[in-house]
C-alpha atoms as a PDB file:
ATOM      1  CA  PRO A   1     187.926 -25.091  -1.211  1.00  0.00           C
ATOM      2  CA  CYS A   2     189.451 -26.379   1.981  1.00  0.00           C
ATOM      3  CA  GLU A   3     188.390 -25.609   5.551  1.00  0.00           C
ATOM      4  CA  LEU A   4     190.884 -22.732   5.899  1.00  0.00           C
ATOM      5  CA  CYS A   5     189.868 -21.229   2.559  1.00  0.00           C
ATOM      6  CA  TYR A   6     186.291 -20.955   3.785  1.00  0.00           C
ATOM      7  CA  LYS A   7     187.415 -19.338   7.038  1.00  0.00           C
ATOM      8  CA  GLU A   8     189.480 -16.783   5.134  1.00  0.00           C
ATOM      9  CA  ARG A   9     186.355 -15.673   3.282  1.00  0.00           C
ATOM     10  CA  TRP A  10     184.489 -14.739   6.489  1.00  0.00           C
ATOM     11  CA  ALA A  11     186.570 -11.610   6.983  1.00  0.00           C
ATOM     12  CA  TRP A  12     185.743 -10.397   3.491  1.00  0.00           C
ATOM     13  CA  TYR A  13     182.045 -11.081   4.058  1.00  0.00           C
ATOM     14  CA  ALA A  14     182.273  -8.653   6.992  1.00  0.00           C
ATOM     15  CA  ALA A  15     184.826  -6.191   5.594  1.00  0.00           C
ATOM     16  CA  LEU A  16     183.165  -5.376   2.285  1.00  0.00           C
ATOM     17  CA  PRO A  17     179.760  -4.329   3.670  1.00  0.00           C
ATOM     18  CA  LEU A  18     181.459  -2.568   6.584  1.00  0.00           C
ATOM     19  CA  GLY A  19     183.655  -0.615   4.191  1.00  0.00           C
ATOM     20  CA  ALA A  20     180.612   0.398   2.141  1.00  0.00           C
ATOM     21  CA  LEU A  21     178.759   1.533   5.281  1.00  0.00           C
ATOM     22  CA  ILE A  22     181.761   3.535   6.461  1.00  0.00           C
ATOM     23  CA  GLY A  23     181.825   5.358   3.153  1.00  0.00           C
ATOM     24  CA  LEU A  24     178.108   6.097   3.145  1.00  0.00           C
ATOM     25  CA  LEU A  25     177.245   6.812   6.770  1.00  0.00           C
ATOM     26  CA  GLY A  26     178.433   8.647   9.808  1.00  0.00           C
ATOM     27  CA  GLY A  27     180.596  11.517  10.778  1.00  0.00           C
ATOM     28  CA  PRO A  28     184.372  11.544  11.277  1.00  0.00           C
ATOM     29  CA  LYS A  29     184.309   9.814  14.695  1.00  0.00           C
ATOM     30  CA  LEU A  30     182.084   7.003  13.457  1.00  0.00           C
ATOM     31  CA  ARG A  31     184.227   6.593  10.360  1.00  0.00           C
ATOM     32  CA  ARG A  32     187.414   6.375  12.427  1.00  0.00           C
ATOM     33  CA  ALA A  33     185.857   3.745  14.681  1.00  0.00           C
ATOM     34  CA  GLY A  34     184.593   1.783  11.674  1.00  0.00           C
ATOM     35  CA  LEU A  35     187.983   1.952   9.986  1.00  0.00           C
ATOM     36  CA  ALA A  36     189.669   0.787  13.193  1.00  0.00           C
ATOM     37  CA  LEU A  37     187.330  -2.205  13.277  1.00  0.00           C
ATOM     38  CA  LEU A  38     188.077  -2.836   9.619  1.00  0.00           C
ATOM     39  CA  VAL A  39     191.807  -2.811  10.386  1.00  0.00           C
ATOM     40  CA  LEU A  40     191.329  -5.467  13.074  1.00  0.00           C
ATOM     41  CA  ILE A  41     189.238  -7.683  10.794  1.00  0.00           C
ATOM     42  CA  LEU A  42     191.740  -7.429   7.953  1.00  0.00           C
ATOM     43  CA  LEU A  43     194.794  -7.986  10.154  1.00  0.00           C
ATOM     44  CA  ALA A  44     193.194 -11.114  11.610  1.00  0.00           C
ATOM     45  CA  ASN A  45     192.490 -12.329   8.086  1.00  0.00           C
ATOM     46  CA  ALA A  46     196.058 -11.557   7.009  1.00  0.00           C
ATOM     47  CA  GLY A  47     197.274 -13.681   9.910  1.00  0.00           C
ATOM     48  CA  LEU A  48     194.971 -16.517   8.889  1.00  0.00           C
ATOM     49  CA  GLY A  49     196.140 -16.247   5.270  1.00  0.00           C
ATOM     50  CA  PHE A  50     199.792 -16.411   6.283  1.00  0.00           C
ATOM     51  CA  TYR A  51     199.038 -19.311   8.652  1.00  0.00           C
ATOM     52  CA  HIS A  52     197.387 -21.153   5.747  1.00  0.00           C
ATOM     53  CA  PHE A  53     200.402 -20.381   3.560  1.00  0.00           C
ATOM     54  CA  GLY A  54     202.628 -21.893   6.256  1.00  0.00           C
ATOM     55  CA  VAL A  55     200.483 -25.031   6.246  1.00  0.00           C
ATOM     56  CA  GLU A  56     200.893 -25.244   2.469  1.00  0.00           C
ATOM     57  CA  GLN A  57     204.654 -24.864   2.818  1.00  0.00           C
ATOM     58  CA  GLY A  58     204.830 -27.573   5.492  1.00  0.00           C
ATOM     59  CA  TRP A  59     206.121 -25.165   8.154  1.00  0.00           C
ATOM     60  CA  TRP A  60     203.455 -26.390  10.619  1.00  0.00           C
ATOM     61  CA  ALA A  61     200.483 -28.732  10.730  1.00  0.00           C
ATOM     62  CA  GLY A  62     197.051 -27.587   9.647  1.00  0.00           C
ATOM     63  CA  PRO A  63     193.737 -28.256  11.357  1.00  0.00           C
ATOM     64  CA  SER A  64     192.573 -31.841  11.643  1.00  0.00           C
ATOM     65  CA  GLY A  65     189.762 -31.169   9.150  1.00  0.00           C
ATOM     66  CA  CYS A  66     192.419 -30.777   6.461  1.00  0.00           C
ATOM     67  CA  THR A  67     194.303 -33.974   7.173  1.00  0.00           C
ATOM     68  CA  GLY A  68     191.653 -36.512   6.307  1.00  0.00           C
ATOM     69  CA  LEU A  69     191.916 -38.543   9.456  1.00  0.00           C
ATOM     70  CA  ILE A  70     189.769 -41.642   9.296  1.00  0.00           C
ATOM     71  CA  GLY A  71     188.731 -43.512  12.403  1.00  0.00           C
ATOM     72  CA  ALA A  72     190.806 -46.582  13.186  1.00  0.00           C
ATOM     73  CA  THR A  73     189.209 -49.932  12.591  1.00  0.00           C
ATOM     74  CA  ASN A  74     190.366 -53.528  12.353  1.00  0.00           C
ATOM     75  CA  ASP A  75     187.725 -54.372   9.747  1.00  0.00           C
ATOM     76  CA  VAL A  76     189.030 -53.932   6.186  1.00  0.00           C
ATOM     77  CA  ASN A  77     185.521 -53.658   4.721  1.00  0.00           C
ATOM     78  CA  ALA A  78     184.585 -50.900   7.178  1.00  0.00           C
ATOM     79  CA  PHE A  79     187.823 -49.097   6.326  1.00  0.00           C
ATOM     80  CA  LEU A  80     187.162 -49.289   2.577  1.00  0.00           C
ATOM     81  CA  LYS A  81     183.596 -48.092   3.109  1.00  0.00           C
ATOM     82  CA  SER A  82     184.838 -45.107   5.129  1.00  0.00           C
ATOM     83  CA  LEU A  83     187.292 -44.257   2.332  1.00  0.00           C
ATOM     84  CA  ASN A  84     184.430 -44.057  -0.150  1.00  0.00           C
ATOM     85  CA  GLN A  85     182.391 -41.813   2.151  1.00  0.00           C
ATOM     86  CA  THR A  86     185.181 -39.440   3.182  1.00  0.00           C
ATOM     87  CA  HIS A  87     186.070 -36.524   0.951  1.00  0.00           C
ATOM     88  CA  VAL A  88     188.747 -34.219   2.289  1.00  0.00           C
ATOM     89  CA  VAL A  89     190.027 -31.141   0.510  1.00  0.00           C
ATOM     90  CA  ARG A  90     193.572 -30.749   1.736  1.00  0.00           C
ATOM     91  CA  CYS A  91     194.721 -27.462   3.236  1.00  0.00           C
ATOM     92  CA  ASP A  92     198.365 -28.259   2.590  1.00  0.00           C
ATOM     93  CA  ALA A  93     198.050 -28.520  -1.190  1.00  0.00           C
ATOM     94  CA  PRO A  94     197.249 -25.250  -2.985  1.00  0.00           C
ATOM     95  CA  ALA A  95     194.556 -25.644  -5.611  1.00  0.00           C
ATOM     96  CA  LEU A  96     195.844 -22.688  -7.627  1.00  0.00           C
ATOM     97  CA  LYS A  97     198.932 -20.509  -7.790  1.00  0.00           C
ATOM     98  CA  VAL A  98     199.068 -17.060  -9.348  1.00  0.00           C
ATOM     99  CA  LEU A  99     202.512 -15.611 -10.096  1.00  0.00           C
ATOM    100  CA  GLY A 100     204.031 -18.359  -7.955  1.00  0.00           C
ATOM    101  CA  LEU A 101     201.935 -17.636  -4.859  1.00  0.00           C
ATOM    102  CA  SER A 102     198.960 -19.612  -3.607  1.00  0.00           C
ATOM    103  CA  LEU A 103     195.614 -17.950  -3.081  1.00  0.00           C
ATOM    104  CA  ALA A 104     196.211 -18.162   0.679  1.00  0.00           C
ATOM    105  CA  ALA A 105     199.413 -16.133   0.289  1.00  0.00           C
ATOM    106  CA  TRP A 106     197.635 -13.600  -1.909  1.00  0.00           C
ATOM    107  CA  ASN A 107     194.839 -13.331   0.638  1.00  0.00           C
ATOM    108  CA  GLY A 108     197.385 -12.604   3.368  1.00  0.00           C
ATOM    109  CA  LEU A 109     199.101  -9.933   1.268  1.00  0.00           C
ATOM    110  CA  VAL A 110     195.885  -8.255   0.109  1.00  0.00           C
ATOM    111  CA  SER A 111     194.397  -8.314   3.604  1.00  0.00           C
ATOM    112  CA  ALA A 112     197.553  -6.767   5.083  1.00  0.00           C
ATOM    113  CA  GLY A 113     197.606  -4.122   2.360  1.00  0.00           C
ATOM    114  CA  MET A 114     193.969  -3.235   2.853  1.00  0.00           C
ATOM    115  CA  ALA A 115     194.505  -3.097   6.625  1.00  0.00           C
ATOM    116  CA  LEU A 116     197.279  -0.574   5.995  1.00  0.00           C
ATOM    117  CA  VAL A 117     195.005   1.533   3.794  1.00  0.00           C
ATOM    118  CA  ALA A 118     192.199   1.424   6.375  1.00  0.00           C
ATOM    119  CA  GLY A 119     194.691   2.259   9.128  1.00  0.00           C
ATOM    120  CA  LEU A 120     195.916   5.285   7.214  1.00  0.00           C
ATOM    121  CA  GLY A 121     192.317   6.369   6.744  1.00  0.00           C
ATOM    122  CA  ALA A 122     191.613   5.983  10.454  1.00  0.00           C
ATOM    123  CA  ALA A 123     194.752   7.952  11.371  1.00  0.00           C
ATOM    124  CA  LYS A 124     193.922  10.784   8.955  1.00  0.00           C
ATOM    125  CA  ARG A 125     192.544  13.891  10.624  1.00  0.00           C
ATOM    126  CA  ALA A 126     189.178  15.150   9.455  1.00  0.00           C
END
């Protein structure tokens, strides 16, 4: 996975245990606060997913870690050596598409949908 793919996973590493804790612990006020936090985490992840999708579509540039920049040198041998030692997974080339959408796009959609569900749960009166 590319640099952005790894960053998109962080939200799920936080959201899944948080969602389980919300369901198991606390009264209505604690649940509402936990769901509000969950909404923020998921909306941020949706934004990151859509940003990544934009990088894949060429709408804007991705982070430098996804471009494979290699330090400039005038020595051909040093350049060839750096090529052999540098492995970059590109953020602008989707590794997999499902139903025509990249995994970054799916992550954005699922995160936004789950944020909506959590928001509805937070807005619901006890």
